[in-house]
Every structure is written in C-alpha cells, then in structure tokens.
C-alpha cells in the first residue's frame, strides 16, 4: 500500500517539472535567435531594412563621386513606391555659435522641386486681391492670424505685406520654429506680393544653417532627369557660396552629400559642385 501511494506522487512531480522545463527553454531559444540576427546585422555593418541594405551595396562609402555619377547612383537607389525627394546636405566650415556666421537665403530652382507649394499671404484690400490673382492658396489678415495662432497651418510658404507685420509679428513663436516666418531679407515681406507668390509657387528652396553649421535641402524628385537635378544643385551651391560670411576663416565648404528619402547617401566631389 505504501508503494502504490508513492508512484502517483512521482508522476505528479514529473508533470510539474515538465512545464517548467519547456517554459525555460522558450525564452532561451528566443534569446539565441535574437542574438543570431544581431550578429548577422553586425557583420553586414549596415542598419536599416532590406531595401536600404540592398541599396547600400550600390554605394562605395570610401569613394568621392562626381556630381553626374552621384545623381545617377541616388536615382538608381530610389526604389520606394513613392517618388522620393533628392536631399542634399552641405557641411560648412563656420562657427555656428557666432550669429554673424550663420547663413540663410532663398533660391529659385531652375526646374522646380516637384512639389505643389501652398502659399499663404497676409494682406488687405488691393494687395489681397493681387495675391489671390497671382495664385495664393490662402489670403487673409487678422482672421488668418487667429487661425494660425490656434495651430491651423495649411501652407508651406508665408508672405506678408509690410503693413501686416504688426499682426504677423505676434505669430513668431508659431511660425518661427517651422521656418515660415516672413522675412524681408528673403523677399517674403514685400509690397510686390504677385511676384513673391509666383516665385514661391514655381519652386524655391529656402536654406539655412542648423546648430551644427549644416544646410539641409530638398532639391527635386528622384523622377527628375539627371540634368534637371544637376542644374538645381548647381543653383543652390552657387547661392550658398555667395552667402559665405566675411568672418569665416579656413575651409568654407567642408563636405557635400546627396541621397534620396529612403536611400543611402553618397559623398560628392567638391570640385564638381563648387
């Protein structure tokens, strides 16, 4: 009778141990799988999805590309399902802590930027009518300022007549961080609203240095012809070089890289863009 009671106890113990063993094995297997994936990724030395990794194989990270070859490579690597933007990054040899060395400007792109630019104009009376006829998407005064103050910003560029700056000036905290604040130096505070609207709609690129002294800009779409992208890049580079601050010492143009929205970047030969 004693032996018969002991046998079920062993079975029960075995049943209790089995789930614990299986449960312990599962996290271990998952950890090993994760470590294996991490090892493969580390060996490849590339971060990103399958599309990016495949595109990265087409780029020699040690090579300096001539402008035409760089454009061709970037276009080839733009394989996303949407029309990717071609971006340029310009590293300048400036002291970004010195306000007199920061650059900012606007330049028209010879071939546009491949984007429908929404333009808002702060104006009254005849100037408001002029802006509407020129193709402005939004035209208003105090009522437009109220909408913007509440966070309703449905435009990419903002233009204002000088007499409206008393109203627009109060929107600095809203428009400033987004790079939308009208500025007379950029031609966005003007009485000639018709020309300003047409210029903005035709495709302009506004550029400025960030805290690291770098300029970021979109200069067109991957679907553009190579020549069109080349002309746009040359126009931007000419404007950036022309904006060189007088106080800059040493090398002004340190490096330039080109990429598409979802693709890897390529380094440009400075001689081909200077």
C-alpha atoms as a PDB file:
ATOM      1  CA  UNK A   1       0.000   0.000   0.000  1.00  0.00           C
ATOM      2  CA  UNK A   2       2.878   2.330   0.745  1.00  0.00           C
ATOM      3  CA  UNK A   3       4.454   1.753  -2.701  1.00  0.00           C
ATOM      4  CA  UNK A   4       1.179   2.398  -4.518  1.00  0.00           C
ATOM      5  CA  UNK A   5       0.882   5.788  -2.828  1.00  0.00           C
ATOM      6  CA  UNK A   6       4.441   6.754  -3.796  1.00  0.00           C
ATOM      7  CA  UNK A   7       4.016   6.028  -7.531  1.00  0.00           C
ATOM      8  CA  UNK A   8       1.330   8.694  -8.211  1.00  0.00           C
ATOM      9  CA  UNK A   9       3.462  11.196  -6.293  1.00  0.00           C
ATOM     10  CA  UNK A  10       6.375  10.636  -8.732  1.00  0.00           C
ATOM     11  CA  UNK A  11       4.090  11.094 -11.707  1.00  0.00           C
ATOM     12  CA  UNK A  12       2.722  14.307 -10.263  1.00  0.00           C
ATOM     13  CA  UNK A  13       6.246  15.583  -9.689  1.00  0.00           C
ATOM     14  CA  UNK A  14       7.143  14.719 -13.261  1.00  0.00           C
ATOM     15  CA  UNK A  15       4.100  16.552 -14.534  1.00  0.00           C
ATOM     16  CA  UNK A  16       5.035  19.616 -12.510  1.00  0.00           C
ATOM     17  CA  UNK A  17       8.630  19.607 -13.740  1.00  0.00           C
ATOM     18  CA  UNK A  18       7.840  19.229 -17.447  1.00  0.00           C
ATOM     19  CA  UNK A  19       6.058  22.588 -17.977  1.00  0.00           C
ATOM     20  CA  UNK A  20       8.832  24.409 -16.094  1.00  0.00           C
ATOM     21  CA  UNK A  21      11.497  22.908 -18.386  1.00  0.00           C
ATOM     22  CA  UNK A  22       9.568  23.824 -21.555  1.00  0.00           C
ATOM     23  CA  UNK A  23       8.873  27.275 -20.226  1.00  0.00           C
ATOM     24  CA  UNK A  24      12.569  27.812 -19.511  1.00  0.00           C
ATOM     25  CA  UNK A  25      13.596  26.608 -22.978  1.00  0.00           C
ATOM     26  CA  UNK A  26      11.358  29.038 -24.911  1.00  0.00           C
ATOM     27  CA  UNK A  27      12.964  32.316 -23.704  1.00  0.00           C
ATOM     28  CA  UNK A  28      16.387  30.726 -24.226  1.00  0.00           C
ATOM     29  CA  UNK A  29      15.573  29.838 -27.844  1.00  0.00           C
ATOM     30  CA  UNK A  30      14.175  33.342 -28.472  1.00  0.00           C
ATOM     31  CA  UNK A  31      17.298  34.935 -26.993  1.00  0.00           C
ATOM     32  CA  UNK A  32      19.551  32.791 -29.185  1.00  0.00           C
ATOM     33  CA  UNK A  33      17.531  33.715 -32.286  1.00  0.00           C
ATOM     34  CA  UNK A  34      17.740  37.416 -31.430  1.00  0.00           C
ATOM     35  CA  UNK A  35      21.497  37.179 -30.830  1.00  0.00           C
ATOM     36  CA  UNK A  36      21.954  35.415 -34.171  1.00  0.00           C
ATOM     37  CA  UNK A  37      20.085  38.191 -36.014  1.00  0.00           C
ATOM     38  CA  UNK A  38      22.109  40.861 -34.222  1.00  0.00           C
ATOM     39  CA  UNK A  39      25.328  39.076 -35.179  1.00  0.00           C
ATOM     40  CA  UNK A  40      24.333  38.914 -38.866  1.00  0.00           C
ATOM     41  CA  UNK A  41      23.435  42.617 -38.835  1.00  0.00           C
ATOM     42  CA  UNK A  42      26.723  43.498 -37.137  1.00  0.00           C
ATOM     43  CA  UNK A  43      28.669  41.511 -39.704  1.00  0.00           C
ATOM     44  CA  UNK A  44      26.981  43.372 -42.503  1.00  0.00           C
ATOM     45  CA  UNK A  45      27.715  46.664 -40.760  1.00  0.00           C
ATOM     46  CA  UNK A  46      24.509  48.162 -42.088  1.00  0.00           C
ATOM     47  CA  UNK A  47      21.446  49.427 -40.269  1.00  0.00           C
ATOM     48  CA  UNK A  48      18.055  49.585 -41.942  1.00  0.00           C
ATOM     49  CA  UNK A  49      15.522  47.481 -43.792  1.00  0.00           C
ATOM     50  CA  UNK A  50      16.070  45.074 -46.695  1.00  0.00           C
ATOM     51  CA  UNK A  51      15.543  47.819 -49.296  1.00  0.00           C
ATOM     52  CA  UNK A  52      18.126  50.089 -47.675  1.00  0.00           C
ATOM     53  CA  UNK A  53      20.651  47.280 -47.237  1.00  0.00           C
ATOM     54  CA  UNK A  54      20.275  46.312 -50.908  1.00  0.00           C
ATOM     55  CA  UNK A  55      20.757  49.957 -51.985  1.00  0.00           C
ATOM     56  CA  UNK A  56      23.779  50.327 -49.720  1.00  0.00           C
ATOM     57  CA  UNK A  57      25.564  47.633 -51.753  1.00  0.00           C
ATOM     58  CA  UNK A  58      25.485  50.014 -54.746  1.00  0.00           C
ATOM     59  CA  UNK A  59      27.405  52.684 -52.828  1.00  0.00           C
ATOM     60  CA  UNK A  60      31.142  52.716 -52.167  1.00  0.00           C
ATOM     61  CA  UNK A  61      31.456  54.514 -48.819  1.00  0.00           C
ATOM     62  CA  UNK A  62      35.141  55.235 -49.460  1.00  0.00           C
ATOM     63  CA  UNK A  63      34.556  56.842 -52.837  1.00  0.00           C
ATOM     64  CA  UNK A  64      34.115  60.525 -53.694  1.00  0.00           C
ATOM     65  CA  UNK A  65      31.563  60.776 -56.521  1.00  0.00           C
ATOM     66  CA  UNK A  66      31.491  63.281 -59.355  1.00  0.00           C
ATOM     67  CA  UNK A  67      28.138  65.114 -59.485  1.00  0.00           C
ATOM     68  CA  UNK A  68      26.713  63.277 -62.508  1.00  0.00           C
ATOM     69  CA  UNK A  69      27.668  59.848 -61.140  1.00  0.00           C
ATOM     70  CA  UNK A  70      26.306  60.724 -57.693  1.00  0.00           C
ATOM     71  CA  UNK A  71      22.950  61.726 -59.163  1.00  0.00           C
ATOM     72  CA  UNK A  72      22.797  58.535 -61.224  1.00  0.00           C
ATOM     73  CA  UNK A  73      23.563  56.411 -58.128  1.00  0.00           C
ATOM     74  CA  UNK A  74      20.978  58.177 -55.964  1.00  0.00           C
ATOM     75  CA  UNK A  75      18.299  57.818 -58.653  1.00  0.00           C
ATOM     76  CA  UNK A  76      19.099  54.112 -59.007  1.00  0.00           C
ATOM     77  CA  UNK A  77      18.751  53.585 -55.256  1.00  0.00           C
ATOM     78  CA  UNK A  78      15.390  55.397 -55.020  1.00  0.00           C
ATOM     79  CA  UNK A  79      13.283  52.233 -55.165  1.00  0.00           C
ATOM     80  CA  UNK A  80      10.437  53.169 -52.791  1.00  0.00           C
ATOM     81  CA  UNK A  81       6.841  53.015 -54.004  1.00  0.00           C
ATOM     82  CA  UNK A  82       6.591  56.822 -53.900  1.00  0.00           C
ATOM     83  CA  UNK A  83       8.561  59.496 -55.731  1.00  0.00           C
ATOM     84  CA  UNK A  84      11.408  60.111 -53.296  1.00  0.00           C
ATOM     85  CA  UNK A  85      12.841  63.570 -52.689  1.00  0.00           C
ATOM     86  CA  UNK A  86      16.502  64.075 -53.503  1.00  0.00           C
ATOM     87  CA  UNK A  87      18.161  65.686 -50.484  1.00  0.00           C
ATOM     88  CA  UNK A  88      21.466  67.488 -50.207  1.00  0.00           C
ATOM     89  CA  UNK A  89      23.483  68.009 -47.018  1.00  0.00           C
ATOM     90  CA  UNK A  90      26.153  70.709 -47.045  1.00  0.00           C
ATOM     91  CA  UNK A  91      28.621  70.791 -44.168  1.00  0.00           C
ATOM     92  CA  UNK A  92      30.096  74.268 -43.815  1.00  0.00           C
ATOM     93  CA  UNK A  93      33.267  75.336 -42.037  1.00  0.00           C
ATOM     94  CA  UNK A  94      31.595  78.029 -39.970  1.00  0.00           C
ATOM     95  CA  UNK A  95      31.354  78.668 -36.247  1.00  0.00           C
ATOM     96  CA  UNK A  96      27.638  78.129 -35.691  1.00  0.00           C
ATOM     97  CA  UNK A  97      27.916  79.777 -32.260  1.00  0.00           C
ATOM     98  CA  UNK A  98      28.685  83.084 -33.958  1.00  0.00           C
ATOM     99  CA  UNK A  99      25.447  84.630 -35.228  1.00  0.00           C
ATOM    100  CA  UNK A 100      27.286  86.626 -37.891  1.00  0.00           C
ATOM    101  CA  UNK A 101      28.466  83.362 -39.456  1.00  0.00           C
ATOM    102  CA  UNK A 102      25.033  81.767 -39.838  1.00  0.00           C
ATOM    103  CA  UNK A 103      23.677  81.848 -43.367  1.00  0.00           C
ATOM    104  CA  UNK A 104      20.127  81.933 -44.650  1.00  0.00           C
ATOM    105  CA  UNK A 105      18.663  82.568 -48.048  1.00  0.00           C
ATOM    106  CA  UNK A 106      16.227  81.541 -50.727  1.00  0.00           C
ATOM    107  CA  UNK A 107      16.992  80.449 -54.271  1.00  0.00           C
ATOM    108  CA  UNK A 108      14.667  79.586 -57.169  1.00  0.00           C
ATOM    109  CA  UNK A 109      15.159  76.110 -58.596  1.00  0.00           C
ATOM    110  CA  UNK A 110      15.561  76.192 -62.411  1.00  0.00           C
ATOM    111  CA  UNK A 111      13.463  73.031 -62.699  1.00  0.00           C
ATOM    112  CA  UNK A 112      11.171  73.391 -59.696  1.00  0.00           C
ATOM    113  CA  UNK A 113      11.149  70.992 -56.749  1.00  0.00           C
ATOM    114  CA  UNK A 114       8.426  68.608 -57.896  1.00  0.00           C
ATOM    115  CA  UNK A 115       6.063  69.668 -55.156  1.00  0.00           C
ATOM    116  CA  UNK A 116       2.845  71.664 -55.054  1.00  0.00           C
ATOM    117  CA  UNK A 117       3.792  74.546 -52.755  1.00  0.00           C
ATOM    118  CA  UNK A 118       0.935  76.010 -50.713  1.00  0.00           C
ATOM    119  CA  UNK A 119       1.347  79.750 -50.238  1.00  0.00           C
ATOM    120  CA  UNK A 120      -0.334  81.944 -47.622  1.00  0.00           C
ATOM    121  CA  UNK A 121      -0.358  85.736 -47.866  1.00  0.00           C
ATOM    122  CA  UNK A 122      -1.109  88.212 -45.102  1.00  0.00           C
ATOM    123  CA  UNK A 123      -2.551  91.232 -46.891  1.00  0.00           C
ATOM    124  CA  UNK A 124      -5.588  93.527 -47.087  1.00  0.00           C
ATOM    125  CA  UNK A 125      -7.531  95.306 -49.778  1.00  0.00           C
ATOM    126  CA  UNK A 126      -5.960  95.605 -53.213  1.00  0.00           C
ATOM    127  CA  UNK A 127      -2.899  93.609 -52.169  1.00  0.00           C
ATOM    128  CA  UNK A 128      -5.088  90.740 -51.005  1.00  0.00           C
ATOM    129  CA  UNK A 129      -6.800  90.727 -54.401  1.00  0.00           C
ATOM    130  CA  UNK A 130      -3.414  90.849 -56.126  1.00  0.00           C
ATOM    131  CA  UNK A 131      -2.247  87.828 -54.134  1.00  0.00           C
ATOM    132  CA  UNK A 132      -5.366  85.842 -54.998  1.00  0.00           C
ATOM    133  CA  UNK A 133      -4.960  86.563 -58.713  1.00  0.00           C
ATOM    134  CA  UNK A 134      -1.305  85.501 -58.533  1.00  0.00           C
ATOM    135  CA  UNK A 135      -2.361  82.074 -57.252  1.00  0.00           C
ATOM    136  CA  UNK A 136      -2.013  82.298 -53.457  1.00  0.00           C
ATOM    137  CA  UNK A 137      -3.751  79.395 -51.724  1.00  0.00           C
ATOM    138  CA  UNK A 138      -4.699  81.323 -48.573  1.00  0.00           C
ATOM    139  CA  UNK A 139      -5.132  85.081 -48.218  1.00  0.00           C
ATOM    140  CA  UNK A 140      -6.182  86.880 -45.058  1.00  0.00           C
ATOM    141  CA  UNK A 141      -5.351  89.284 -42.280  1.00  0.00           C
ATOM    142  CA  UNK A 142      -6.397  89.179 -38.600  1.00  0.00           C
ATOM    143  CA  UNK A 143      -8.686  86.180 -39.150  1.00  0.00           C
ATOM    144  CA  UNK A 144      -5.813  84.228 -40.739  1.00  0.00           C
ATOM    145  CA  UNK A 145      -3.552  85.175 -37.826  1.00  0.00           C
ATOM    146  CA  UNK A 146      -6.136  83.816 -35.379  1.00  0.00           C
ATOM    147  CA  UNK A 147      -6.302  80.525 -37.253  1.00  0.00           C
ATOM    148  CA  UNK A 148      -2.513  80.196 -37.288  1.00  0.00           C
ATOM    149  CA  UNK A 149      -2.293  81.019 -33.587  1.00  0.00           C
ATOM    150  CA  UNK A 150      -4.650  78.099 -32.916  1.00  0.00           C
ATOM    151  CA  UNK A 151      -2.312  75.780 -34.811  1.00  0.00           C
ATOM    152  CA  UNK A 152      -4.068  75.712 -38.173  1.00  0.00           C
ATOM    153  CA  UNK A 153      -1.115  75.938 -40.563  1.00  0.00           C
ATOM    154  CA  UNK A 154      -2.084  74.718 -44.008  1.00  0.00           C
ATOM    155  CA  UNK A 155       0.706  76.267 -46.073  1.00  0.00           C
ATOM    156  CA  UNK A 156       4.382  75.749 -46.948  1.00  0.00           C
ATOM    157  CA  UNK A 157       5.420  79.358 -47.561  1.00  0.00           C
ATOM    158  CA  UNK A 158       4.236  82.567 -45.933  1.00  0.00           C
ATOM    159  CA  UNK A 159       4.313  86.075 -47.434  1.00  0.00           C
ATOM    160  CA  UNK A 160       3.199  89.354 -45.869  1.00  0.00           C
ATOM    161  CA  UNK A 161       2.937  92.993 -46.818  1.00  0.00           C
ATOM    162  CA  UNK A 162       4.940  95.354 -44.540  1.00  0.00           C
ATOM    163  CA  UNK A 163       1.789  96.856 -43.015  1.00  0.00           C
ATOM    164  CA  UNK A 164       0.702  93.384 -41.822  1.00  0.00           C
ATOM    165  CA  UNK A 165       3.874  92.657 -39.853  1.00  0.00           C
ATOM    166  CA  UNK A 166       2.389  94.139 -36.688  1.00  0.00           C
ATOM    167  CA  UNK A 167      -0.099  91.260 -36.830  1.00  0.00           C
ATOM    168  CA  UNK A 168       2.252  88.599 -38.188  1.00  0.00           C
ATOM    169  CA  UNK A 169       4.996  89.506 -35.699  1.00  0.00           C
ATOM    170  CA  UNK A 170       2.873  88.091 -32.877  1.00  0.00           C
ATOM    171  CA  UNK A 171       2.993  84.676 -34.570  1.00  0.00           C
ATOM    172  CA  UNK A 172       6.760  84.345 -34.239  1.00  0.00           C
ATOM    173  CA  UNK A 173       6.562  81.508 -31.690  1.00  0.00           C
ATOM    174  CA  UNK A 174       4.293  79.535 -34.015  1.00  0.00           C
ATOM    175  CA  UNK A 175       5.782  80.275 -37.435  1.00  0.00           C
ATOM    176  CA  UNK A 176       9.431  80.726 -36.413  1.00  0.00           C
ATOM    177  CA  UNK A 177      10.242  77.130 -35.409  1.00  0.00           C
ATOM    178  CA  UNK A 178       8.684  75.895 -38.663  1.00  0.00           C
ATOM    179  CA  UNK A 179      10.766  78.273 -40.776  1.00  0.00           C
ATOM    180  CA  UNK A 180       7.634  80.035 -42.020  1.00  0.00           C
ATOM    181  CA  UNK A 181       8.082  83.497 -40.535  1.00  0.00           C
ATOM    182  CA  UNK A 182       8.090  86.157 -43.316  1.00  0.00           C
ATOM    183  CA  UNK A 183      11.472  87.850 -43.646  1.00  0.00           C
ATOM    184  CA  UNK A 184      12.303  90.939 -45.732  1.00  0.00           C
ATOM    185  CA  UNK A 185      15.804  89.538 -46.442  1.00  0.00           C
ATOM    186  CA  UNK A 186      14.181  86.513 -48.083  1.00  0.00           C
ATOM    187  CA  UNK A 187      11.731  88.577 -50.085  1.00  0.00           C
ATOM    188  CA  UNK A 188       8.715  87.300 -48.162  1.00  0.00           C
ATOM    189  CA  UNK A 189       7.888  90.710 -46.674  1.00  0.00           C
ATOM    190  CA  UNK A 190       7.076  92.805 -49.702  1.00  0.00           C
ATOM    191  CA  UNK A 191       4.527  95.018 -51.402  1.00  0.00           C
ATOM    192  CA  UNK A 192       5.100  93.121 -54.631  1.00  0.00           C
ATOM    193  CA  UNK A 193       3.035  90.157 -53.496  1.00  0.00           C
ATOM    194  CA  UNK A 194       2.222  88.952 -57.021  1.00  0.00           C
ATOM    195  CA  UNK A 195       5.866  88.267 -57.913  1.00  0.00           C
ATOM    196  CA  UNK A 196       6.532  86.789 -54.474  1.00  0.00           C
ATOM    197  CA  UNK A 197       3.626  84.352 -54.830  1.00  0.00           C
ATOM    198  CA  UNK A 198       4.629  83.321 -58.351  1.00  0.00           C
ATOM    199  CA  UNK A 199       8.241  82.770 -57.277  1.00  0.00           C
ATOM    200  CA  UNK A 200       7.180  80.633 -54.306  1.00  0.00           C
ATOM    201  CA  UNK A 201       4.773  78.576 -56.414  1.00  0.00           C
ATOM    202  CA  UNK A 202       7.351  77.987 -59.146  1.00  0.00           C
ATOM    203  CA  UNK A 203       9.661  76.212 -56.739  1.00  0.00           C
ATOM    204  CA  UNK A 204      12.083  77.929 -54.395  1.00  0.00           C
ATOM    205  CA  UNK A 205      14.396  76.383 -51.845  1.00  0.00           C
ATOM    206  CA  UNK A 206      14.922  78.200 -48.578  1.00  0.00           C
ATOM    207  CA  UNK A 207      18.209  77.266 -46.954  1.00  0.00           C
ATOM    208  CA  UNK A 208      19.795  77.998 -43.604  1.00  0.00           C
ATOM    209  CA  UNK A 209      22.442  76.518 -41.324  1.00  0.00           C
ATOM    210  CA  UNK A 210      21.437  74.481 -38.302  1.00  0.00           C
ATOM    211  CA  UNK A 211      23.191  74.427 -34.912  1.00  0.00           C
ATOM    212  CA  UNK A 212      25.960  72.259 -36.340  1.00  0.00           C
ATOM    213  CA  UNK A 213      26.639  74.560 -39.305  1.00  0.00           C
ATOM    214  CA  UNK A 214      24.956  72.226 -41.786  1.00  0.00           C
ATOM    215  CA  UNK A 215      22.500  73.074 -44.563  1.00  0.00           C
ATOM    216  CA  UNK A 216      19.763  70.539 -45.418  1.00  0.00           C
ATOM    217  CA  UNK A 217      17.597  70.976 -48.505  1.00  0.00           C
ATOM    218  CA  UNK A 218      15.393  69.039 -50.900  1.00  0.00           C
ATOM    219  CA  UNK A 219      16.348  69.893 -54.485  1.00  0.00           C
ATOM    220  CA  UNK A 220      13.886  67.853 -56.526  1.00  0.00           C
ATOM    221  CA  UNK A 221      12.448  64.390 -57.014  1.00  0.00           C
ATOM    222  CA  UNK A 222      14.074  61.087 -57.971  1.00  0.00           C
ATOM    223  CA  UNK A 223      11.867  61.065 -61.085  1.00  0.00           C
ATOM    224  CA  UNK A 224      13.603  64.222 -62.386  1.00  0.00           C
ATOM    225  CA  UNK A 225      16.034  63.888 -65.271  1.00  0.00           C
ATOM    226  CA  UNK A 226      19.664  63.823 -64.172  1.00  0.00           C
ATOM    227  CA  UNK A 227      20.361  67.136 -65.892  1.00  0.00           C
ATOM    228  CA  UNK A 228      17.454  68.834 -64.091  1.00  0.00           C
ATOM    229  CA  UNK A 229      18.748  67.704 -60.690  1.00  0.00           C
ATOM    230  CA  UNK A 230      22.246  68.802 -61.623  1.00  0.00           C
ATOM    231  CA  UNK A 231      21.056  72.302 -62.549  1.00  0.00           C
ATOM    232  CA  UNK A 232      19.090  72.576 -59.299  1.00  0.00           C
ATOM    233  CA  UNK A 233      22.107  71.510 -57.223  1.00  0.00           C
ATOM    234  CA  UNK A 234      24.374  73.972 -59.003  1.00  0.00           C
ATOM    235  CA  UNK A 235      21.884  76.797 -58.380  1.00  0.00           C
ATOM    236  CA  UNK A 236      21.755  76.007 -54.658  1.00  0.00           C
ATOM    237  CA  UNK A 237      25.523  75.660 -54.340  1.00  0.00           C
ATOM    238  CA  UNK A 238      26.031  78.991 -56.100  1.00  0.00           C
ATOM    239  CA  UNK A 239      23.686  80.666 -53.596  1.00  0.00           C
ATOM    240  CA  UNK A 240      25.368  79.003 -50.600  1.00  0.00           C
ATOM    241  CA  UNK A 241      28.825  80.057 -51.813  1.00  0.00           C
ATOM    242  CA  UNK A 242      27.595  83.598 -52.419  1.00  0.00           C
ATOM    243  CA  UNK A 243      26.287  83.729 -48.834  1.00  0.00           C
ATOM    244  CA  UNK A 244      29.724  82.987 -47.330  1.00  0.00           C
ATOM    245  CA  UNK A 245      30.136  85.167 -44.202  1.00  0.00           C
ATOM    246  CA  UNK A 246      33.073  87.553 -44.165  1.00  0.00           C
ATOM    247  CA  UNK A 247      34.243  86.267 -40.776  1.00  0.00           C
ATOM    248  CA  UNK A 248      34.746  82.661 -41.888  1.00  0.00           C
ATOM    249  CA  UNK A 249      38.365  81.516 -41.727  1.00  0.00           C
ATOM    250  CA  UNK A 250      39.793  78.416 -43.377  1.00  0.00           C
ATOM    251  CA  UNK A 251      37.775  75.973 -45.494  1.00  0.00           C
ATOM    252  CA  UNK A 252      34.203  77.119 -46.060  1.00  0.00           C
ATOM    253  CA  UNK A 253      32.839  74.118 -47.968  1.00  0.00           C
ATOM    254  CA  UNK A 254      33.819  71.015 -45.974  1.00  0.00           C
ATOM    255  CA  UNK A 255      31.667  68.260 -47.485  1.00  0.00           C
ATOM    256  CA  UNK A 256      28.532  67.674 -49.541  1.00  0.00           C
ATOM    257  CA  UNK A 257      26.394  64.534 -49.579  1.00  0.00           C
ATOM    258  CA  UNK A 258      23.443  63.527 -51.734  1.00  0.00           C
ATOM    259  CA  UNK A 259      20.706  60.980 -51.017  1.00  0.00           C
ATOM    260  CA  UNK A 260      17.079  60.111 -51.660  1.00  0.00           C
ATOM    261  CA  UNK A 261      14.440  59.990 -48.913  1.00  0.00           C
ATOM    262  CA  UNK A 262      14.857  56.264 -48.236  1.00  0.00           C
ATOM    263  CA  UNK A 263      18.285  55.655 -49.736  1.00  0.00           C
ATOM    264  CA  UNK A 264      21.909  55.824 -48.557  1.00  0.00           C
ATOM    265  CA  UNK A 265      23.983  58.943 -49.112  1.00  0.00           C
ATOM    266  CA  UNK A 266      26.942  59.431 -51.430  1.00  0.00           C
ATOM    267  CA  UNK A 267      29.799  61.885 -50.972  1.00  0.00           C
ATOM    268  CA  UNK A 268      30.251  64.488 -53.688  1.00  0.00           C
ATOM    269  CA  UNK A 269      33.493  65.677 -55.204  1.00  0.00           C
ATOM    270  CA  UNK A 270      33.622  69.314 -54.100  1.00  0.00           C
ATOM    271  CA  UNK A 271      35.286  70.331 -57.362  1.00  0.00           C
ATOM    272  CA  UNK A 272      32.167  69.263 -59.256  1.00  0.00           C
ATOM    273  CA  UNK A 273      29.815  71.441 -57.192  1.00  0.00           C
ATOM    274  CA  UNK A 274      31.951  74.382 -56.056  1.00  0.00           C
END
